[in-house]
Structure formats: C-alpha cells, structure tokens
Amino acid sequence: MRSRWPRRLSLLIALAAAAPATAALLDWVAASVNDIAIPESVVRRAMVLSGLPRASGETDAAFRGRVLEALIDQQLQYEEALRFGPEPPDAREIEEAMKKVSDRLREEGKEPAREFAAAGMTSDDVRASVERQLVVQRYLRERFRPGTLADEQRARVEYDERFAPERRAAGQAVPSFDEVAEQMRARARERSFDDEVEKWVKELRDKARIRIYPMPSASAAEPGPLVPLEQAPRPAPTAGPR
C-alpha cells in the first residue's frame, strides 16, 4: 500500500502542482491523469517544496516516485471537487493558508520568497495554488466529516494501541484515558477521516486513466536534458489505466 502523506504537506504539494509552466520551459511528461499531463518540472518542484522527509536509505528514484503518486492523487481530488461546483474560498482563508505555507518553510530553515522564486513561482502563482488546494480541502470536509464520528470504542483503541505505546517508547509518562479522553476522540476522528479519504482516492484511481511514463534518463538525480513539453516523447507507459 502507498504510504500516506501527512495532510500538512498537501498545500506544499499543491503549490508545485499548480504553478503554471512558461512558454519557454523545457520539460517532458512524467504522467497523465485522465489525459491531463503532469510535467516533470512539476514533480521537481514538489520534490523541493513538499517538505516530505526521505525514508532512511531511500533512493532519488524512489522519492521521486512517491512525490509523483501524491501529485496524481491531488489531481484526482481536484477534478472530483470541481464536478460539484464548489464556492471559492474567501480572502481570509487564502491569507491564513499562505501564512501556514510560509511558516512551514521557515521552520525548515528556508526563506519562502526565495523558495518560490527558485521554483519559478510568482506571488500570484502561490495564491492561485493555495486557492486550488483549499477547494479540495473544503470538498473533503463536506463529503467525509459528517460520517467520521469517533465513538468511545475507537477512542479506547487509539489510546491503547497508539497513544500509550508512543508515550512509553519515548520514555514519557502515560496519563490515564480519562485525562486525555477528548484528545483520543479527536485523534480517532482524524484517523477515521483519513481512512475514508484514502478509500475514496483508491476508488478514484480504479476508475481513472493514469499513465506513468519512464524518465529519459535512468537517474532521477540527473534526469538528463529537458525537451519542450509539446515535443516531449510519450513512450509506452510503465503503468496502464488504474
């Protein structure tokens, strides 16, 4: 099963996905989702901006693959959200989300303006990409939140199987269930929500036309020369419709 991406990273992934390519950009097609191309430049931006830590011993190619899978999921979610004609987020929501993105980058020791510029993004690009992701987040909340209630049994499972072992492994005292009951209910609701979204995305993937194309070079770290996107080779995909 594919690893689950922390949702706090999703805005950064969306930033890379939504940044428009300029006419002079040289690129190739990394994948297509329902005939919508995901350029390699988008994958590279996401590898820089996502903040996703690499697993121990993970190769460049494996990391790139995880990023590409996340971008595919993002595109599927956005397409589905648009089908229901969502209302655009208001200015306050956008500003708060942009602040979170900037704060996250600063926590990683990065200067947001410099990172966006390095990714070829203007302030308008950033705002547009944040708005795109907020549309998806609102749709997910409206679709799945009402059905993700946390009962007492799920809260107990969260406490016994996750919270208490985590505290013990960290050498910390374990409070009684009653002391953290509300926190356990919130964690159980969040986990249930994530599980429902994951099942839904799998269903979207099963119905979608997804193609993943091999890189022109064998190395993800040194991918070789880029070509104009409209002239990019589309060799036989490594994965058929899924």
C-alpha atoms as a PDB file:
ATOM      1  CA  MET A   1       0.000   0.000   0.000  1.00  0.00           C
ATOM      2  CA  ARG A   2       1.230   3.501  -0.767  1.00  0.00           C
ATOM      3  CA  SER A   3       2.442   5.485   2.199  1.00  0.00           C
ATOM      4  CA  ARG A   4       0.026   8.121   3.485  1.00  0.00           C
ATOM      5  CA  TRP A   5       1.163  11.734   3.089  1.00  0.00           C
ATOM      6  CA  PRO A   6       0.669  13.970   6.093  1.00  0.00           C
ATOM      7  CA  ARG A   7      -2.081  16.450   5.186  1.00  0.00           C
ATOM      8  CA  ARG A   8       0.036  19.351   6.457  1.00  0.00           C
ATOM      9  CA  LEU A   9       2.204  18.744   3.381  1.00  0.00           C
ATOM     10  CA  SER A  10      -0.655  18.874   0.923  1.00  0.00           C
ATOM     11  CA  LEU A  11      -0.574  22.634   0.411  1.00  0.00           C
ATOM     12  CA  LEU A  12       3.096  22.490  -0.499  1.00  0.00           C
ATOM     13  CA  ILE A  13       2.466  19.690  -2.979  1.00  0.00           C
ATOM     14  CA  ALA A  14      -0.352  21.755  -4.460  1.00  0.00           C
ATOM     15  CA  LEU A  15       1.944  24.733  -4.837  1.00  0.00           C
ATOM     16  CA  ALA A  16       4.207  22.738  -7.076  1.00  0.00           C
ATOM     17  CA  ALA A  17       1.335  21.197  -8.998  1.00  0.00           C
ATOM     18  CA  ALA A  18      -0.458  24.451  -9.730  1.00  0.00           C
ATOM     19  CA  ALA A  19       2.483  26.634 -10.740  1.00  0.00           C
ATOM     20  CA  PRO A  20       1.997  27.298 -14.463  1.00  0.00           C
ATOM     21  CA  ALA A  21       4.688  26.442 -16.953  1.00  0.00           C
ATOM     22  CA  THR A  22       6.039  29.313 -19.019  1.00  0.00           C
ATOM     23  CA  ALA A  23       6.221  29.149 -22.762  1.00  0.00           C
ATOM     24  CA  ALA A  24       9.992  28.826 -22.659  1.00  0.00           C
ATOM     25  CA  LEU A  25      10.002  25.970 -20.149  1.00  0.00           C
ATOM     26  CA  LEU A  26      11.665  22.801 -21.314  1.00  0.00           C
ATOM     27  CA  ASP A  27      10.037  19.712 -19.958  1.00  0.00           C
ATOM     28  CA  TRP A  28       8.727  16.218 -20.512  1.00  0.00           C
ATOM     29  CA  VAL A  29       5.578  14.369 -19.466  1.00  0.00           C
ATOM     30  CA  ALA A  30       6.062  12.435 -16.221  1.00  0.00           C
ATOM     31  CA  ALA A  31       2.487  11.134 -16.054  1.00  0.00           C
ATOM     32  CA  SER A  32      -1.036  11.827 -17.229  1.00  0.00           C
ATOM     33  CA  VAL A  33      -4.289  11.674 -15.287  1.00  0.00           C
ATOM     34  CA  ASN A  34      -7.435  11.391 -17.380  1.00  0.00           C
ATOM     35  CA  ASP A  35      -5.406  12.828 -20.281  1.00  0.00           C
ATOM     36  CA  ILE A  36      -4.119  15.792 -18.199  1.00  0.00           C
ATOM     37  CA  ALA A  37      -0.316  15.885 -18.271  1.00  0.00           C
ATOM     38  CA  ILE A  38       1.836  16.188 -15.148  1.00  0.00           C
ATOM     39  CA  PRO A  39       5.123  17.696 -16.379  1.00  0.00           C
ATOM     40  CA  GLU A  40       8.448  16.625 -14.907  1.00  0.00           C
ATOM     41  CA  SER A  41       9.061  20.215 -13.799  1.00  0.00           C
ATOM     42  CA  VAL A  42       6.032  19.925 -11.502  1.00  0.00           C
ATOM     43  CA  VAL A  43       7.471  16.763  -9.970  1.00  0.00           C
ATOM     44  CA  ARG A  44      10.803  18.528  -9.391  1.00  0.00           C
ATOM     45  CA  ARG A  45       9.094  21.486  -7.732  1.00  0.00           C
ATOM     46  CA  ALA A  46       7.195  19.154  -5.432  1.00  0.00           C
ATOM     47  CA  MET A  47      10.388  17.322  -4.508  1.00  0.00           C
ATOM     48  CA  VAL A  48      11.827  20.649  -3.326  1.00  0.00           C
ATOM     49  CA  LEU A  49       8.744  22.257  -1.780  1.00  0.00           C
ATOM     50  CA  SER A  50       6.882  19.359  -0.217  1.00  0.00           C
ATOM     51  CA  GLY A  51       8.981  19.125   2.940  1.00  0.00           C
ATOM     52  CA  LEU A  52       8.450  15.371   2.912  1.00  0.00           C
ATOM     53  CA  PRO A  53      11.404  13.684   4.639  1.00  0.00           C
ATOM     54  CA  ARG A  54      13.090  10.895   2.777  1.00  0.00           C
ATOM     55  CA  ALA A  55      12.976   7.447   4.297  1.00  0.00           C
ATOM     56  CA  SER A  56      16.236   6.024   5.532  1.00  0.00           C
ATOM     57  CA  GLY A  57      18.197   4.732   2.533  1.00  0.00           C
ATOM     58  CA  GLU A  58      15.548   5.909   0.069  1.00  0.00           C
ATOM     59  CA  THR A  59      16.924   6.472  -3.421  1.00  0.00           C
ATOM     60  CA  ASP A  60      16.246   9.559  -5.534  1.00  0.00           C
ATOM     61  CA  ALA A  61      14.126   7.458  -7.884  1.00  0.00           C
ATOM     62  CA  ALA A  62      12.009   6.045  -5.028  1.00  0.00           C
ATOM     63  CA  PHE A  63      11.476   9.503  -3.510  1.00  0.00           C
ATOM     64  CA  ARG A  64      10.508  10.921  -6.894  1.00  0.00           C
ATOM     65  CA  GLY A  65       8.033   8.056  -7.292  1.00  0.00           C
ATOM     66  CA  ARG A  66       6.321   8.870  -4.000  1.00  0.00           C
ATOM     67  CA  VAL A  67       6.067  12.528  -4.945  1.00  0.00           C
ATOM     68  CA  LEU A  68       4.588  11.663  -8.339  1.00  0.00           C
ATOM     69  CA  GLU A  69       1.976   9.389  -6.723  1.00  0.00           C
ATOM     70  CA  ALA A  70       0.959  12.245  -4.421  1.00  0.00           C
ATOM     71  CA  LEU A  71       0.583  14.593  -7.395  1.00  0.00           C
ATOM     72  CA  ILE A  72      -1.631  12.044  -9.125  1.00  0.00           C
ATOM     73  CA  ASP A  73      -3.847  11.858  -6.038  1.00  0.00           C
ATOM     74  CA  GLN A  74      -4.026  15.655  -5.890  1.00  0.00           C
ATOM     75  CA  GLN A  75      -5.161  15.892  -9.498  1.00  0.00           C
ATOM     76  CA  LEU A  76      -7.876  13.266  -8.999  1.00  0.00           C
ATOM     77  CA  GLN A  77      -9.193  15.012  -5.882  1.00  0.00           C
ATOM     78  CA  TYR A  78      -9.258  18.400  -7.589  1.00  0.00           C
ATOM     79  CA  GLU A  79     -11.108  17.045 -10.631  1.00  0.00           C
ATOM     80  CA  GLU A  80     -13.722  15.448  -8.390  1.00  0.00           C
ATOM     81  CA  ALA A  81     -14.149  18.594  -6.302  1.00  0.00           C
ATOM     82  CA  LEU A  82     -14.727  20.711  -9.416  1.00  0.00           C
ATOM     83  CA  ARG A  83     -17.566  18.448 -10.526  1.00  0.00           C
ATOM     84  CA  PHE A  84     -19.667  19.798  -7.646  1.00  0.00           C
ATOM     85  CA  GLY A  85     -19.101  23.481  -8.421  1.00  0.00           C
ATOM     86  CA  PRO A  86     -17.540  24.461  -5.096  1.00  0.00           C
ATOM     87  CA  GLU A  87     -17.595  28.044  -3.881  1.00  0.00           C
ATOM     88  CA  PRO A  88     -14.186  29.736  -3.995  1.00  0.00           C
ATOM     89  CA  PRO A  89     -12.515  30.260  -0.602  1.00  0.00           C
ATOM     90  CA  ASP A  90     -12.682  33.759   0.834  1.00  0.00           C
ATOM     91  CA  ALA A  91      -9.691  36.084   1.120  1.00  0.00           C
ATOM     92  CA  ARG A  92      -9.198  35.382   4.828  1.00  0.00           C
ATOM     93  CA  GLU A  93      -8.915  31.636   4.256  1.00  0.00           C
ATOM     94  CA  ILE A  94      -6.394  32.177   1.494  1.00  0.00           C
ATOM     95  CA  GLU A  95      -4.263  34.509   3.587  1.00  0.00           C
ATOM     96  CA  GLU A  96      -4.269  32.101   6.535  1.00  0.00           C
ATOM     97  CA  ALA A  97      -3.282  29.204   4.288  1.00  0.00           C
ATOM     98  CA  MET A  98      -0.487  31.203   2.670  1.00  0.00           C
ATOM     99  CA  LYS A  99       0.824  32.090   6.120  1.00  0.00           C
ATOM    100  CA  LYS A 100       0.869  28.404   7.089  1.00  0.00           C
ATOM    101  CA  VAL A 101       2.883  27.569   3.989  1.00  0.00           C
ATOM    102  CA  SER A 102       5.398  30.333   4.712  1.00  0.00           C
ATOM    103  CA  ASP A 103       5.637  29.346   8.379  1.00  0.00           C
ATOM    104  CA  ARG A 104       6.245  25.734   7.420  1.00  0.00           C
ATOM    105  CA  LEU A 105       9.104  26.665   5.106  1.00  0.00           C
ATOM    106  CA  ARG A 106      10.673  28.910   7.761  1.00  0.00           C
ATOM    107  CA  GLU A 107      10.505  26.033  10.256  1.00  0.00           C
ATOM    108  CA  GLU A 108      12.632  24.091   7.791  1.00  0.00           C
ATOM    109  CA  GLY A 109      15.154  26.930   7.671  1.00  0.00           C
ATOM    110  CA  LYS A 110      14.053  28.140   4.246  1.00  0.00           C
ATOM    111  CA  GLU A 111      13.112  31.613   3.068  1.00  0.00           C
ATOM    112  CA  PRO A 112       9.659  31.378   1.418  1.00  0.00           C
ATOM    113  CA  ALA A 113      10.199  34.103  -1.199  1.00  0.00           C
ATOM    114  CA  ARG A 114      13.498  32.539  -2.250  1.00  0.00           C
ATOM    115  CA  GLU A 115      11.985  29.052  -2.438  1.00  0.00           C
ATOM    116  CA  PHE A 116       9.047  30.224  -4.540  1.00  0.00           C
ATOM    117  CA  ALA A 117      11.337  32.158  -6.874  1.00  0.00           C
ATOM    118  CA  ALA A 118      13.608  29.142  -7.256  1.00  0.00           C
ATOM    119  CA  ALA A 119      10.548  27.102  -8.231  1.00  0.00           C
ATOM    120  CA  GLY A 120       9.621  29.722 -10.846  1.00  0.00           C
ATOM    121  CA  MET A 121       6.512  30.899  -8.977  1.00  0.00           C
ATOM    122  CA  THR A 122       5.213  34.445  -8.607  1.00  0.00           C
ATOM    123  CA  SER A 123       3.093  35.591  -5.658  1.00  0.00           C
ATOM    124  CA  ASP A 124       0.013  35.239  -7.874  1.00  0.00           C
ATOM    125  CA  ASP A 125       1.012  31.652  -8.665  1.00  0.00           C
ATOM    126  CA  VAL A 126       1.284  30.890  -4.958  1.00  0.00           C
ATOM    127  CA  ARG A 127      -2.106  32.428  -4.222  1.00  0.00           C
ATOM    128  CA  ALA A 128      -3.783  30.542  -7.085  1.00  0.00           C
ATOM    129  CA  SER A 129      -2.291  27.220  -5.994  1.00  0.00           C
ATOM    130  CA  VAL A 130      -3.331  27.769  -2.379  1.00  0.00           C
ATOM    131  CA  GLU A 131      -6.880  28.536  -3.532  1.00  0.00           C
ATOM    132  CA  ARG A 132      -6.883  25.318  -5.542  1.00  0.00           C
ATOM    133  CA  GLN A 133      -5.960  23.226  -2.519  1.00  0.00           C
ATOM    134  CA  LEU A 134      -8.495  24.968  -0.283  1.00  0.00           C
ATOM    135  CA  VAL A 135     -11.184  23.944  -2.755  1.00  0.00           C
ATOM    136  CA  VAL A 136     -10.113  20.316  -2.314  1.00  0.00           C
ATOM    137  CA  GLN A 137      -9.929  20.575   1.469  1.00  0.00           C
ATOM    138  CA  ARG A 138     -13.418  22.083   1.711  1.00  0.00           C
ATOM    139  CA  TYR A 139     -14.827  19.361  -0.514  1.00  0.00           C
ATOM    140  CA  LEU A 140     -13.230  16.629   1.615  1.00  0.00           C
ATOM    141  CA  ARG A 141     -14.589  18.145   4.816  1.00  0.00           C
ATOM    142  CA  GLU A 142     -18.113  18.395   3.433  1.00  0.00           C
ATOM    143  CA  ARG A 143     -18.026  14.912   1.944  1.00  0.00           C
ATOM    144  CA  PHE A 144     -16.453  12.928   4.771  1.00  0.00           C
ATOM    145  CA  ARG A 145     -16.592  14.817   8.078  1.00  0.00           C
ATOM    146  CA  PRO A 146     -20.278  14.098   8.858  1.00  0.00           C
ATOM    147  CA  GLY A 147     -19.608  10.342   8.715  1.00  0.00           C
ATOM    148  CA  THR A 148     -16.426  10.246  10.783  1.00  0.00           C
ATOM    149  CA  LEU A 149     -17.742  10.308  14.328  1.00  0.00           C
ATOM    150  CA  ALA A 150     -15.455   8.870  16.990  1.00  0.00           C
ATOM    151  CA  ASP A 151     -17.200   6.540  19.433  1.00  0.00           C
ATOM    152  CA  GLU A 152     -15.797   5.534  22.804  1.00  0.00           C
ATOM    153  CA  GLN A 153     -14.505   2.206  21.484  1.00  0.00           C
ATOM    154  CA  ARG A 154     -12.430   3.862  18.752  1.00  0.00           C
ATOM    155  CA  ALA A 155     -11.076   6.371  21.251  1.00  0.00           C
ATOM    156  CA  ARG A 156     -10.026   3.495  23.519  1.00  0.00           C
ATOM    157  CA  VAL A 157      -8.292   1.746  20.627  1.00  0.00           C
ATOM    158  CA  GLU A 158      -6.450   4.962  19.798  1.00  0.00           C
ATOM    159  CA  TYR A 159      -5.306   5.193  23.420  1.00  0.00           C
ATOM    160  CA  ASP A 160      -4.347   1.519  23.915  1.00  0.00           C
ATOM    161  CA  GLU A 161      -2.782   0.757  20.536  1.00  0.00           C
ATOM    162  CA  ARG A 162      -1.183   4.068  19.580  1.00  0.00           C
ATOM    163  CA  PHE A 163      -1.048   6.820  22.175  1.00  0.00           C
ATOM    164  CA  ALA A 164       0.128   4.805  25.199  1.00  0.00           C
ATOM    165  CA  PRO A 165       2.773   2.808  23.256  1.00  0.00           C
ATOM    166  CA  GLU A 166       4.071   6.030  21.669  1.00  0.00           C
ATOM    167  CA  ARG A 167       4.494   7.634  25.097  1.00  0.00           C
ATOM    168  CA  ARG A 168       6.224   4.581  26.553  1.00  0.00           C
ATOM    169  CA  ALA A 169       8.584   4.333  23.580  1.00  0.00           C
ATOM    170  CA  ALA A 170       9.533   7.988  24.106  1.00  0.00           C
ATOM    171  CA  GLY A 171      10.166   7.396  27.818  1.00  0.00           C
ATOM    172  CA  GLN A 172       7.237   9.618  28.812  1.00  0.00           C
ATOM    173  CA  ALA A 173       4.612   9.123  31.489  1.00  0.00           C
ATOM    174  CA  VAL A 174       1.299   7.754  30.250  1.00  0.00           C
ATOM    175  CA  PRO A 175      -1.723   9.681  31.550  1.00  0.00           C
ATOM    176  CA  SER A 176      -4.933   7.800  32.241  1.00  0.00           C
ATOM    177  CA  PHE A 177      -7.515   7.518  29.492  1.00  0.00           C
ATOM    178  CA  ASP A 178      -9.894   9.839  31.322  1.00  0.00           C
ATOM    179  CA  GLU A 179      -7.237  12.581  31.350  1.00  0.00           C
ATOM    180  CA  VAL A 180      -6.838  12.503  27.568  1.00  0.00           C
ATOM    181  CA  ALA A 181     -10.246  11.171  26.504  1.00  0.00           C
ATOM    182  CA  GLU A 182     -11.167  14.217  24.411  1.00  0.00           C
ATOM    183  CA  GLN A 183      -7.772  14.168  22.698  1.00  0.00           C
ATOM    184  CA  MET A 184      -8.241  10.460  21.895  1.00  0.00           C
ATOM    185  CA  ARG A 185     -11.684  11.125  20.413  1.00  0.00           C
ATOM    186  CA  ALA A 186     -10.207  13.860  18.219  1.00  0.00           C
ATOM    187  CA  ARG A 187      -7.364  11.579  17.098  1.00  0.00           C
ATOM    188  CA  ALA A 188      -9.809   8.759  16.363  1.00  0.00           C
ATOM    189  CA  ARG A 189     -11.997  11.102  14.292  1.00  0.00           C
ATOM    190  CA  GLU A 190      -8.958  12.290  12.366  1.00  0.00           C
ATOM    191  CA  ARG A 191      -7.817   8.740  11.692  1.00  0.00           C
ATOM    192  CA  SER A 192     -11.284   7.712  10.564  1.00  0.00           C
ATOM    193  CA  PHE A 193     -11.422  10.740   8.248  1.00  0.00           C
ATOM    194  CA  ASP A 194      -8.026   9.864   6.748  1.00  0.00           C
ATOM    195  CA  ASP A 195      -9.108   6.238   6.236  1.00  0.00           C
ATOM    196  CA  GLU A 196     -12.283   7.318   4.425  1.00  0.00           C
ATOM    197  CA  VAL A 197     -10.350   9.704   2.168  1.00  0.00           C
ATOM    198  CA  GLU A 198      -7.802   7.001   1.388  1.00  0.00           C
ATOM    199  CA  LYS A 199     -10.526   4.547   0.359  1.00  0.00           C
ATOM    200  CA  TRP A 200     -12.165   7.211  -1.792  1.00  0.00           C
ATOM    201  CA  VAL A 201      -8.899   8.063  -3.558  1.00  0.00           C
ATOM    202  CA  LYS A 202      -8.356   4.373  -4.289  1.00  0.00           C
ATOM    203  CA  GLU A 203     -11.801   4.245  -5.910  1.00  0.00           C
ATOM    204  CA  LEU A 204     -10.946   7.324  -7.991  1.00  0.00           C
ATOM    205  CA  ARG A 205      -7.712   5.680  -9.108  1.00  0.00           C
ATOM    206  CA  ASP A 206      -9.505   2.477 -10.084  1.00  0.00           C
ATOM    207  CA  LYS A 207     -11.772   4.477 -12.424  1.00  0.00           C
ATOM    208  CA  ALA A 208      -9.163   6.903 -13.763  1.00  0.00           C
ATOM    209  CA  ARG A 209      -6.938   6.720 -16.815  1.00  0.00           C
ATOM    210  CA  ILE A 210      -3.459   7.008 -15.301  1.00  0.00           C
ATOM    211  CA  ARG A 211      -0.236   6.724 -17.274  1.00  0.00           C
ATOM    212  CA  ILE A 212       3.234   6.959 -15.763  1.00  0.00           C
ATOM    213  CA  TYR A 213       5.980   7.468 -18.301  1.00  0.00           C
ATOM    214  CA  PRO A 214       9.621   6.405 -17.876  1.00  0.00           C
ATOM    215  CA  MET A 215      12.232   9.113 -17.494  1.00  0.00           C
ATOM    216  CA  PRO A 216      14.505   9.803 -20.484  1.00  0.00           C
ATOM    217  CA  SER A 217      17.455   9.043 -18.205  1.00  0.00           C
ATOM    218  CA  ALA A 218      17.820   6.229 -15.712  1.00  0.00           C
ATOM    219  CA  SER A 219      18.854   8.581 -12.894  1.00  0.00           C
ATOM    220  CA  ALA A 220      16.261  10.699 -11.074  1.00  0.00           C
ATOM    221  CA  ALA A 221      19.022  12.872  -9.623  1.00  0.00           C
ATOM    222  CA  GLU A 222      20.466  13.602 -13.060  1.00  0.00           C
ATOM    223  CA  PRO A 223      17.453  13.282 -15.330  1.00  0.00           C
ATOM    224  CA  GLY A 224      19.222  14.373 -18.481  1.00  0.00           C
ATOM    225  CA  PRO A 225      18.275  17.105 -20.956  1.00  0.00           C
ATOM    226  CA  LEU A 226      14.789  18.526 -20.954  1.00  0.00           C
ATOM    227  CA  VAL A 227      12.769  18.908 -24.115  1.00  0.00           C
ATOM    228  CA  PRO A 228       9.823  21.210 -24.939  1.00  0.00           C
ATOM    229  CA  LEU A 229       6.696  19.768 -23.339  1.00  0.00           C
ATOM    230  CA  GLU A 230       4.716  19.830 -26.545  1.00  0.00           C
ATOM    231  CA  GLN A 231       7.512  17.777 -28.153  1.00  0.00           C
ATOM    232  CA  ALA A 232       8.034  15.511 -25.159  1.00  0.00           C
ATOM    233  CA  PRO A 233       8.256  11.851 -26.035  1.00  0.00           C
ATOM    234  CA  ARG A 234       5.374   9.732 -24.804  1.00  0.00           C
ATOM    235  CA  PRO A 235       6.824   6.224 -24.701  1.00  0.00           C
ATOM    236  CA  ALA A 236       4.842   3.212 -23.616  1.00  0.00           C
ATOM    237  CA  PRO A 237       3.669   3.911 -20.076  1.00  0.00           C
ATOM    238  CA  THR A 238       5.017   1.871 -17.179  1.00  0.00           C
ATOM    239  CA  ALA A 239       1.536   1.681 -15.683  1.00  0.00           C
ATOM    240  CA  GLY A 240      -1.684   1.295 -17.610  1.00  0.00           C
ATOM    241  CA  PRO A 241      -5.145   2.596 -16.706  1.00  0.00           C
ATOM    242  CA  ARG A 242      -5.786   2.218 -12.987  1.00  0.00           C
END
